[in-house]
Amino acid sequence: MRLEFLVSACILGIAGTATCSQTTDASSVVQLAVVEITPTKFIYTPGEPINVRVILKPTGAGVYIAKEWGEAGGNIPGFNVRLKTLDGKWAQTCGHGSLADYFGGLPAPDEWLRTQFLYLPWGNFIGRDTTVDCATKQPGTYILDASYEPHYPQTERVANLPQAKGLVVLHKIEARPVRIRIR
């Protein structure tokens, strides 16, 4: 409930000077961006693909994010989209995961900022059109849940650079959940 209020407050105009939490347990962290999930529609038939758009938008002057991103997983920054029941249980019949790792030495943090991150200015956004994998075919009301996760192993070191100016996303950012129906 608190997170929904904070995200709503950011979206409703406090965005430029927001000091809301990126996660529900890190209340002292400045909100650098918001995540929004939008389904193509709100009522689906059993077995029909559930198509959604997920976007991340800076709340202030801008934000640094990883240049390469996709479906978030081990060391891969990006978005997660999940379908859940109203009581928070998974409503997907399959799952998958991914893992990325780096071999050899990692570049210095300033090189990493220059080569592996991009600055996303205010008024711009990144997004992804995707489909919920293996959605349940059982009729009912469900929740679409989404988040952006930074996941790069160098993210904290890059965030500590003076030239990053505190604008590197360090924590998971949750979208306000959206209800859909399958009938």
Protein backbone atom coordinates (compact mmCIF):
# COMPACT_ATOMS: atom_id res chain seq x y z
CA MET A 1 0.00 0.00 0.00
CA ARG A 2 2.81 2.42 0.92
CA LEU A 3 4.67 1.68 -2.34
CA GLU A 4 1.51 2.26 -4.41
CA PHE A 5 1.08 5.66 -2.75
CA LEU A 6 4.72 6.57 -3.31
CA VAL A 7 4.66 5.58 -6.97
CA SER A 8 1.35 7.43 -7.46
CA ALA A 9 2.79 10.54 -5.81
CA CYS A 10 5.81 10.43 -8.11
CA ILE A 11 3.64 10.06 -11.19
CA LEU A 12 1.27 12.86 -10.13
CA GLY A 13 3.84 15.61 -10.19
CA ILE A 14 6.24 15.22 -7.32
CA ALA A 15 8.51 13.52 -9.85
CA GLY A 16 10.95 16.41 -10.21
CA THR A 17 11.78 16.53 -6.51
CA ALA A 18 10.73 13.07 -5.40
CA THR A 19 12.35 11.54 -2.36
CA CYS A 20 10.32 8.38 -2.35
CA SER A 21 11.71 4.91 -1.97
CA GLN A 22 12.90 2.69 -4.80
CA THR A 23 11.94 -0.33 -2.74
CA THR A 24 9.62 -0.79 0.20
CA ASP A 25 12.49 -1.61 2.58
CA ALA A 26 14.94 1.14 1.54
CA SER A 27 12.92 4.20 2.46
CA SER A 28 15.91 6.54 2.55
CA VAL A 29 16.82 5.93 -1.11
CA VAL A 30 15.94 8.71 -3.57
CA GLN A 31 13.55 7.61 -6.32
CA LEU A 32 15.49 8.11 -9.57
CA ALA A 33 12.91 6.59 -11.91
CA VAL A 34 9.48 5.00 -12.08
CA VAL A 35 8.38 1.84 -13.86
CA GLU A 36 4.98 1.52 -15.49
CA ILE A 37 3.27 -1.57 -16.93
CA THR A 38 0.45 -1.27 -19.46
CA PRO A 39 -1.38 -4.28 -20.92
CA THR A 40 -2.73 -4.01 -24.47
CA LYS A 41 -6.15 -4.76 -22.93
CA PHE A 42 -7.63 -5.74 -19.59
CA ILE A 43 -9.82 -8.75 -20.48
CA TYR A 44 -8.38 -11.89 -22.12
CA THR A 45 -9.71 -15.27 -23.18
CA PRO A 46 -8.02 -18.41 -21.79
CA GLY A 47 -4.85 -19.15 -23.77
CA GLU A 48 -4.73 -15.71 -25.41
CA PRO A 49 -1.29 -14.01 -25.26
CA ILE A 50 -1.10 -11.30 -22.61
CA ASN A 51 0.86 -8.51 -24.27
CA VAL A 52 2.26 -5.69 -22.14
CA ARG A 53 4.48 -2.64 -22.43
CA VAL A 54 6.87 -1.89 -19.59
CA ILE A 55 8.70 1.44 -19.40
CA LEU A 56 11.18 3.13 -17.09
CA LYS A 57 11.14 6.95 -16.86
CA PRO A 58 13.48 9.23 -14.90
CA THR A 59 11.79 11.25 -12.16
CA GLY A 60 14.39 14.02 -11.99
CA ALA A 61 16.90 15.51 -14.40
CA GLY A 62 17.91 12.05 -15.61
CA VAL A 63 19.30 8.67 -14.65
CA TYR A 64 22.12 6.31 -15.63
CA ILE A 65 21.11 2.77 -16.62
CA ALA A 66 22.91 -0.11 -18.28
CA LYS A 67 23.17 0.20 -22.08
CA GLU A 68 22.40 -3.47 -22.56
CA TRP A 69 19.27 -4.72 -20.86
CA GLY A 70 16.39 -7.10 -21.43
CA GLU A 71 14.75 -9.65 -19.20
CA ALA A 72 16.35 -9.24 -15.78
CA GLY A 73 18.21 -12.16 -14.29
CA GLY A 74 21.57 -13.05 -12.78
CA ASN A 75 23.88 -10.16 -13.73
CA ILE A 76 21.50 -9.06 -16.53
CA PRO A 77 19.84 -5.69 -15.97
CA GLY A 78 16.32 -5.13 -17.22
CA PHE A 79 12.65 -5.77 -16.70
CA ASN A 80 10.74 -8.59 -15.01
CA VAL A 81 7.05 -9.12 -15.79
CA ARG A 82 5.00 -11.58 -13.74
CA LEU A 83 1.39 -12.71 -13.57
CA LYS A 84 0.08 -13.42 -10.07
CA THR A 85 -3.15 -14.34 -8.36
CA LEU A 86 -4.84 -11.77 -6.13
CA ASP A 87 -3.20 -13.40 -3.10
CA GLY A 88 0.28 -13.09 -4.65
CA LYS A 89 0.85 -16.65 -5.92
CA TRP A 90 2.39 -17.30 -9.35
CA ALA A 91 -0.15 -17.65 -12.16
CA GLN A 92 2.34 -18.80 -14.75
CA THR A 93 2.83 -22.47 -15.56
CA CYS A 94 6.49 -22.25 -16.57
CA GLY A 95 9.51 -20.20 -15.77
CA HIS A 96 12.93 -19.57 -17.10
CA GLY A 97 16.06 -17.86 -16.00
CA SER A 98 19.21 -16.43 -17.39
CA LEU A 99 22.68 -15.72 -16.14
CA ALA A 100 25.46 -13.59 -17.50
CA ASP A 101 28.96 -13.32 -16.15
CA TYR A 102 32.19 -11.63 -17.14
CA PHE A 103 35.41 -13.46 -17.83
CA GLY A 104 38.76 -11.85 -17.24
CA GLY A 105 39.25 -8.54 -15.50
CA LEU A 106 36.48 -5.98 -15.31
CA PRO A 107 37.19 -2.46 -16.55
CA ALA A 108 37.70 0.41 -14.12
CA PRO A 109 34.45 2.02 -12.89
CA ASP A 110 34.96 5.24 -14.91
CA GLU A 111 35.45 3.22 -18.11
CA TRP A 112 32.41 1.12 -17.21
CA LEU A 113 30.30 4.29 -16.81
CA ARG A 114 31.51 5.58 -20.19
CA THR A 115 31.09 2.32 -22.11
CA GLN A 116 28.41 0.25 -20.37
CA PHE A 117 25.92 2.88 -19.10
CA LEU A 118 23.79 5.47 -20.82
CA TYR A 119 22.32 8.65 -19.47
CA LEU A 120 18.55 8.77 -19.87
CA PRO A 121 17.46 12.43 -19.58
CA TRP A 122 14.18 13.57 -18.08
CA GLY A 123 11.31 13.31 -20.57
CA ASN A 124 12.80 10.19 -22.19
CA PHE A 125 12.15 6.56 -21.38
CA ILE A 126 13.22 3.02 -22.17
CA GLY A 127 10.70 0.30 -22.63
CA ARG A 128 9.94 -3.16 -23.76
CA ASP A 129 6.94 -4.77 -25.41
CA THR A 130 6.67 -8.33 -24.18
CA THR A 131 4.27 -11.22 -23.62
CA VAL A 132 3.64 -12.98 -20.32
CA ASP A 133 5.05 -16.48 -20.74
CA CYS A 134 2.88 -19.49 -19.90
CA ALA A 135 -0.03 -17.51 -18.44
CA THR A 136 -2.67 -19.54 -16.66
CA LYS A 137 -5.75 -20.52 -18.65
CA GLN A 138 -7.95 -20.49 -15.55
CA PRO A 139 -10.64 -17.78 -15.56
CA GLY A 140 -10.31 -15.13 -12.87
CA THR A 141 -8.83 -11.79 -11.90
CA TYR A 142 -5.03 -11.58 -11.89
CA ILE A 143 -2.29 -9.07 -11.20
CA LEU A 144 0.38 -8.02 -13.69
CA ASP A 145 3.49 -7.12 -11.77
CA ALA A 146 6.65 -5.56 -13.23
CA SER A 147 10.00 -4.21 -12.08
CA TYR A 148 13.33 -2.94 -13.36
CA GLU A 149 16.47 -4.38 -11.78
CA PRO A 150 20.00 -2.97 -12.32
CA HIS A 151 21.93 -6.29 -11.78
CA TYR A 152 25.32 -5.28 -13.28
CA PRO A 153 28.18 -6.42 -11.03
CA GLN A 154 29.89 -2.99 -11.35
CA THR A 155 26.77 -0.87 -10.67
CA GLU A 156 27.65 0.10 -7.09
CA ARG A 157 31.23 1.01 -8.00
CA VAL A 158 29.99 3.14 -10.91
CA ALA A 159 27.38 4.82 -8.67
CA ASN A 160 30.17 5.92 -6.30
CA LEU A 161 31.96 7.88 -9.03
CA PRO A 162 31.71 11.67 -8.61
CA GLN A 163 30.83 12.09 -12.31
CA ALA A 164 27.78 9.79 -11.85
CA LYS A 165 26.33 12.50 -9.52
CA GLY A 166 24.20 9.98 -7.62
CA LEU A 167 22.11 9.24 -10.73
CA VAL A 168 22.79 5.50 -11.14
CA VAL A 169 19.84 3.18 -10.45
CA LEU A 170 21.03 0.86 -7.67
CA HIS A 171 17.86 -0.84 -6.48
CA LYS A 172 14.92 -2.70 -7.90
CA ILE A 173 12.10 -0.37 -8.97
CA GLU A 174 8.60 -1.84 -8.80
CA ALA A 175 5.72 -0.77 -11.04
CA ARG A 176 2.26 -0.22 -9.66
CA PRO A 177 0.50 -3.58 -10.22
CA VAL A 178 -2.31 -3.74 -12.81
CA ARG A 179 -5.36 -6.04 -12.65
CA ILE A 180 -6.55 -8.03 -15.64
CA ARG A 181 -9.24 -10.67 -16.16
CA ILE A 182 -9.18 -13.98 -17.95
CA ARG A 183 -12.68 -15.19 -18.88
